[in-house]
Amino acid sequence: MDSLIPTNPALQHEIEEEFGELQLEIVHCELCGDYHPPELHLARYSAFEDDEPAEA
């Protein structure tokens, strides 16, 4: 079976140029415990609105 890792530097560079804009930065999120782009949780959220008290 052929290797899926390109060994030709020119081909590797061409692939990186072609698909470079499609790369996503993925980080581990401490808020939800999942992996996703870092800008997903820009604003902190709460289970209740600030002006509504939580029901007991």
PDB file of N, CA and C in Angstrom:
ATOM      1  N   MET A   1       0.848  -1.180   0.000  1.00  0.00           N
ATOM      2  CA  MET A   1       0.000   0.000   0.000  1.00  0.00           C
ATOM      3  C   MET A   1       0.890   1.239   0.000  1.00  0.00           C
ATOM      4  N   ASP A   2       0.520   2.224  -0.804  1.00  0.00           N
ATOM      5  CA  ASP A   2       1.282   3.464  -0.885  1.00  0.00           C
ATOM      6  C   ASP A   2       1.038   4.317   0.356  1.00  0.00           C
ATOM      7  N   SER A   3       2.050   5.088   0.706  1.00  0.00           N
ATOM      8  CA  SER A   3       1.943   5.987   1.840  1.00  0.00           C
ATOM      9  C   SER A   3       1.054   7.174   1.476  1.00  0.00           C
ATOM     10  N   LEU A   4       0.236   7.625   2.437  1.00  0.00           N
ATOM     11  CA  LEU A   4      -0.607   8.790   2.213  1.00  0.00           C
ATOM     12  C   LEU A   4       0.136  10.089   2.513  1.00  0.00           C
ATOM     13  N   ILE A   5       1.333   9.981   3.065  1.00  0.00           N
ATOM     14  CA  ILE A   5       2.148  11.142   3.380  1.00  0.00           C
ATOM     15  C   ILE A   5       2.980  11.495   2.150  1.00  0.00           C
ATOM     16  N   PRO A   6       2.784  12.701   1.589  1.00  0.00           N
ATOM     17  CA  PRO A   6       3.558  13.069   0.396  1.00  0.00           C
ATOM     18  C   PRO A   6       5.046  13.206   0.717  1.00  0.00           C
ATOM     19  N   THR A   7       5.875  12.642  -0.132  1.00  0.00           N
ATOM     20  CA  THR A   7       7.324  12.725   0.063  1.00  0.00           C
ATOM     21  C   THR A   7       7.960  13.728  -0.891  1.00  0.00           C
ATOM     22  N   ASN A   8       7.179  14.277  -1.805  1.00  0.00           N
ATOM     23  CA  ASN A   8       7.663  15.254  -2.752  1.00  0.00           C
ATOM     24  C   ASN A   8       7.439  16.653  -2.164  1.00  0.00           C
ATOM     25  N   PRO A   9       8.508  17.397  -1.811  1.00  0.00           N
ATOM     26  CA  PRO A   9       8.334  18.721  -1.195  1.00  0.00           C
ATOM     27  C   PRO A   9       7.541  19.699  -2.056  1.00  0.00           C
ATOM     28  N   ALA A  10       7.714  19.653  -3.367  1.00  0.00           N
ATOM     29  CA  ALA A  10       6.973  20.559  -4.246  1.00  0.00           C
ATOM     30  C   ALA A  10       5.475  20.248  -4.190  1.00  0.00           C
ATOM     31  N   LEU A  11       5.141  18.975  -4.164  1.00  0.00           N
ATOM     32  CA  LEU A  11       3.738  18.564  -4.072  1.00  0.00           C
ATOM     33  C   LEU A  11       3.161  18.976  -2.717  1.00  0.00           C
ATOM     34  N   GLN A  12       3.921  18.790  -1.660  1.00  0.00           N
ATOM     35  CA  GLN A  12       3.470  19.186  -0.322  1.00  0.00           C
ATOM     36  C   GLN A  12       3.188  20.688  -0.280  1.00  0.00           C
ATOM     37  N   HIS A  13       4.068  21.492  -0.852  1.00  0.00           N
ATOM     38  CA  HIS A  13       3.884  22.946  -0.881  1.00  0.00           C
ATOM     39  C   HIS A  13       2.640  23.321  -1.691  1.00  0.00           C
ATOM     40  N   GLU A  14       2.443  22.662  -2.817  1.00  0.00           N
ATOM     41  CA  GLU A  14       1.277  22.937  -3.655  1.00  0.00           C
ATOM     42  C   GLU A  14      -0.020  22.594  -2.919  1.00  0.00           C
ATOM     43  N   ILE A  15      -0.022  21.491  -2.201  1.00  0.00           N
ATOM     44  CA  ILE A  15      -1.205  21.086  -1.424  1.00  0.00           C
ATOM     45  C   ILE A  15      -1.485  22.102  -0.324  1.00  0.00           C
ATOM     46  N   GLU A  16      -0.447  22.545   0.383  1.00  0.00           N
ATOM     47  CA  GLU A  16      -0.621  23.522   1.461  1.00  0.00           C
ATOM     48  C   GLU A  16      -1.142  24.853   0.925  1.00  0.00           C
ATOM     49  N   GLU A  17      -0.685  25.273  -0.251  1.00  0.00           N
ATOM     50  CA  GLU A  17      -1.188  26.508  -0.849  1.00  0.00           C
ATOM     51  C   GLU A  17      -2.652  26.368  -1.254  1.00  0.00           C
ATOM     52  N   GLU A  18      -3.001  25.233  -1.824  1.00  0.00           N
ATOM     53  CA  GLU A  18      -4.354  25.012  -2.322  1.00  0.00           C
ATOM     54  C   GLU A  18      -5.378  24.951  -1.182  1.00  0.00           C
ATOM     55  N   PHE A  19      -5.027  24.265  -0.094  1.00  0.00           N
ATOM     56  CA  PHE A  19      -5.998  24.021   0.970  1.00  0.00           C
ATOM     57  C   PHE A  19      -5.691  24.781   2.264  1.00  0.00           C
ATOM     58  N   GLY A  20      -4.722  25.677   2.248  1.00  0.00           N
ATOM     59  CA  GLY A  20      -4.326  26.404   3.447  1.00  0.00           C
ATOM     60  C   GLY A  20      -5.446  27.223   4.066  1.00  0.00           C
ATOM     61  N   GLU A  21      -6.316  27.797   3.236  1.00  0.00           N
ATOM     62  CA  GLU A  21      -7.390  28.628   3.766  1.00  0.00           C
ATOM     63  C   GLU A  21      -8.513  27.802   4.389  1.00  0.00           C
ATOM     64  N   LEU A  22      -8.496  26.505   4.207  1.00  0.00           N
ATOM     65  CA  LEU A  22      -9.533  25.641   4.763  1.00  0.00           C
ATOM     66  C   LEU A  22      -9.166  25.093   6.143  1.00  0.00           C
ATOM     67  N   GLN A  23      -7.954  25.344   6.599  1.00  0.00           N
ATOM     68  CA  GLN A  23      -7.526  24.826   7.889  1.00  0.00           C
ATOM     69  C   GLN A  23      -8.243  25.547   9.019  1.00  0.00           C
ATOM     70  N   LEU A  24      -8.606  24.791  10.038  1.00  0.00           N
ATOM     71  CA  LEU A  24      -9.253  25.348  11.216  1.00  0.00           C
ATOM     72  C   LEU A  24      -8.360  25.144  12.429  1.00  0.00           C
ATOM     73  N   GLU A  25      -8.343  26.129  13.293  1.00  0.00           N
ATOM     74  CA  GLU A  25      -7.643  25.972  14.561  1.00  0.00           C
ATOM     75  C   GLU A  25      -8.635  25.341  15.531  1.00  0.00           C
ATOM     76  N   ILE A  26      -8.276  24.219  16.108  1.00  0.00           N
ATOM     77  CA  ILE A  26      -9.133  23.516  17.043  1.00  0.00           C
ATOM     78  C   ILE A  26      -8.436  23.487  18.396  1.00  0.00           C
ATOM     79  N   VAL A  27      -9.160  23.881  19.445  1.00  0.00           N
ATOM     80  CA  VAL A  27      -8.602  23.901  20.792  1.00  0.00           C
ATOM     81  C   VAL A  27      -9.523  23.135  21.734  1.00  0.00           C
ATOM     82  N   HIS A  28      -8.963  22.703  22.866  1.00  0.00           N
ATOM     83  CA  HIS A  28      -9.784  22.066  23.897  1.00  0.00           C
ATOM     84  C   HIS A  28     -10.425  23.162  24.735  1.00  0.00           C
ATOM     85  N   CYS A  29     -11.737  23.132  24.848  1.00  0.00           N
ATOM     86  CA  CYS A  29     -12.483  24.157  25.556  1.00  0.00           C
ATOM     87  C   CYS A  29     -12.715  23.731  27.000  1.00  0.00           C
ATOM     88  N   GLU A  30     -12.324  24.600  27.942  1.00  0.00           N
ATOM     89  CA  GLU A  30     -12.546  24.293  29.352  1.00  0.00           C
ATOM     90  C   GLU A  30     -13.997  24.553  29.759  1.00  0.00           C
ATOM     91  N   LEU A  31     -14.730  25.374  28.987  1.00  0.00           N
ATOM     92  CA  LEU A  31     -16.125  25.646  29.317  1.00  0.00           C
ATOM     93  C   LEU A  31     -17.031  24.449  29.054  1.00  0.00           C
ATOM     94  N   CYS A  32     -16.861  23.815  27.893  1.00  0.00           N
ATOM     95  CA  CYS A  32     -17.762  22.713  27.538  1.00  0.00           C
ATOM     96  C   CYS A  32     -17.063  21.357  27.493  1.00  0.00           C
ATOM     97  N   GLY A  33     -15.728  21.346  27.567  1.00  0.00           N
ATOM     98  CA  GLY A  33     -15.002  20.075  27.562  1.00  0.00           C
ATOM     99  C   GLY A  33     -14.844  19.454  26.189  1.00  0.00           C
ATOM    100  N   ASP A  34     -15.191  20.177  25.128  1.00  0.00           N
ATOM    101  CA  ASP A  34     -15.133  19.649  23.765  1.00  0.00           C
ATOM    102  C   ASP A  34     -14.000  20.334  23.008  1.00  0.00           C
ATOM    103  N   TYR A  35     -13.762  19.901  21.771  1.00  0.00           N
ATOM    104  CA  TYR A  35     -12.774  20.515  20.886  1.00  0.00           C
ATOM    105  C   TYR A  35     -13.512  21.267  19.795  1.00  0.00           C
ATOM    106  N   HIS A  36     -13.155  22.542  19.602  1.00  0.00           N
ATOM    107  CA  HIS A  36     -13.784  23.365  18.574  1.00  0.00           C
ATOM    108  C   HIS A  36     -12.928  24.596  18.328  1.00  0.00           C
ATOM    109  N   PRO A  37     -13.278  25.431  17.303  1.00  0.00           N
ATOM    110  CA  PRO A  37     -12.525  26.670  17.078  1.00  0.00           C
ATOM    111  C   PRO A  37     -12.584  27.570  18.312  1.00  0.00           C
ATOM    112  N   PRO A  38     -11.518  28.311  18.605  1.00  0.00           N
ATOM    113  CA  PRO A  38     -11.460  29.093  19.844  1.00  0.00           C
ATOM    114  C   PRO A  38     -12.500  30.200  19.949  1.00  0.00           C
ATOM    115  N   GLU A  39     -13.003  30.731  18.851  1.00  0.00           N
ATOM    116  CA  GLU A  39     -13.953  31.840  18.920  1.00  0.00           C
ATOM    117  C   GLU A  39     -15.393  31.388  19.151  1.00  0.00           C
ATOM    118  N   LEU A  40     -15.654  30.109  19.343  1.00  0.00           N
ATOM    119  CA  LEU A  40     -17.012  29.616  19.507  1.00  0.00           C
ATOM    120  C   LEU A  40     -17.683  30.191  20.756  1.00  0.00           C
ATOM    121  N   HIS A  41     -16.972  30.269  21.866  1.00  0.00           N
ATOM    122  CA  HIS A  41     -17.535  30.776  23.118  1.00  0.00           C
ATOM    123  C   HIS A  41     -16.956  32.154  23.441  1.00  0.00           C
ATOM    124  N   LEU A  42     -17.141  33.124  22.569  1.00  0.00           N
ATOM    125  CA  LEU A  42     -16.620  34.459  22.834  1.00  0.00           C
ATOM    126  C   LEU A  42     -17.342  35.115  24.004  1.00  0.00           C
ATOM    127  N   ALA A  43     -18.647  34.971  24.069  1.00  0.00           N
ATOM    128  CA  ALA A  43     -19.423  35.540  25.173  1.00  0.00           C
ATOM    129  C   ALA A  43     -19.805  34.412  26.126  1.00  0.00           C
ATOM    130  N   ARG A  44     -19.587  34.650  27.393  1.00  0.00           N
ATOM    131  CA  ARG A  44     -19.989  33.639  28.378  1.00  0.00           C
ATOM    132  C   ARG A  44     -21.511  33.598  28.427  1.00  0.00           C
ATOM    133  N   TYR A  45     -22.039  32.432  28.636  1.00  0.00           N
ATOM    134  CA  TYR A  45     -23.474  32.264  28.686  1.00  0.00           C
ATOM    135  C   TYR A  45     -23.869  31.772  30.071  1.00  0.00           C
ATOM    136  N   SER A  46     -25.123  31.986  30.421  1.00  0.00           N
ATOM    137  CA  SER A  46     -25.624  31.485  31.692  1.00  0.00           C
ATOM    138  C   SER A  46     -26.928  30.750  31.437  1.00  0.00           C
ATOM    139  N   ALA A  47     -27.293  29.912  32.367  1.00  0.00           N
ATOM    140  CA  ALA A  47     -28.511  29.129  32.209  1.00  0.00           C
ATOM    141  C   ALA A  47     -29.755  29.998  32.352  1.00  0.00           C
ATOM    142  N   PHE A  48     -29.629  31.135  33.058  1.00  0.00           N
ATOM    143  CA  PHE A  48     -30.764  32.018  33.287  1.00  0.00           C
ATOM    144  C   PHE A  48     -30.391  33.431  32.868  1.00  0.00           C
ATOM    145  N   GLU A  49     -31.400  34.186  32.488  1.00  0.00           N
ATOM    146  CA  GLU A  49     -31.177  35.592  32.197  1.00  0.00           C
ATOM    147  C   GLU A  49     -30.831  36.309  33.498  1.00  0.00           C
ATOM    148  N   ASP A  50     -30.086  37.387  33.421  1.00  0.00           N
ATOM    149  CA  ASP A  50     -29.684  38.106  34.617  1.00  0.00           C
ATOM    150  C   ASP A  50     -30.859  38.697  35.379  1.00  0.00           C
ATOM    151  N   ASP A  51     -31.914  39.090  34.683  1.00  0.00           N
ATOM    152  CA  ASP A  51     -33.043  39.713  35.364  1.00  0.00           C
ATOM    153  C   ASP A  51     -34.090  38.711  35.854  1.00  0.00           C
ATOM    154  N   GLU A  52     -33.919  37.414  35.541  1.00  0.00           N
ATOM    155  CA  GLU A  52     -34.852  36.389  35.996  1.00  0.00           C
ATOM    156  C   GLU A  52     -34.185  35.553  37.091  1.00  0.00           C
ATOM    157  N   PRO A  53     -34.825  35.423  38.254  1.00  0.00           N
ATOM    158  CA  PRO A  53     -34.236  34.573  39.300  1.00  0.00           C
ATOM    159  C   PRO A  53     -34.360  33.091  38.938  1.00  0.00           C
ATOM    160  N   ALA A  54     -33.422  32.314  39.405  1.00  0.00           N
ATOM    161  CA  ALA A  54     -33.468  30.872  39.177  1.00  0.00           C
ATOM    162  C   ALA A  54     -34.555  30.251  40.046  1.00  0.00           C
ATOM    163  N   GLU A  55     -35.299  29.297  39.466  1.00  0.00           N
ATOM    164  CA  GLU A  55     -36.342  28.628  40.254  1.00  0.00           C
ATOM    165  C   GLU A  55     -35.702  27.569  41.130  1.00  0.00           C
ATOM    166  N   ALA A  56     -36.200  27.433  42.340  1.00  0.00           N
ATOM    167  CA  ALA A  56     -35.649  26.463  43.286  1.00  0.00           C
ATOM    168  C   ALA A  56     -36.304  25.120  43.131  1.00  0.00           C
TER     169      ALA A  56
END
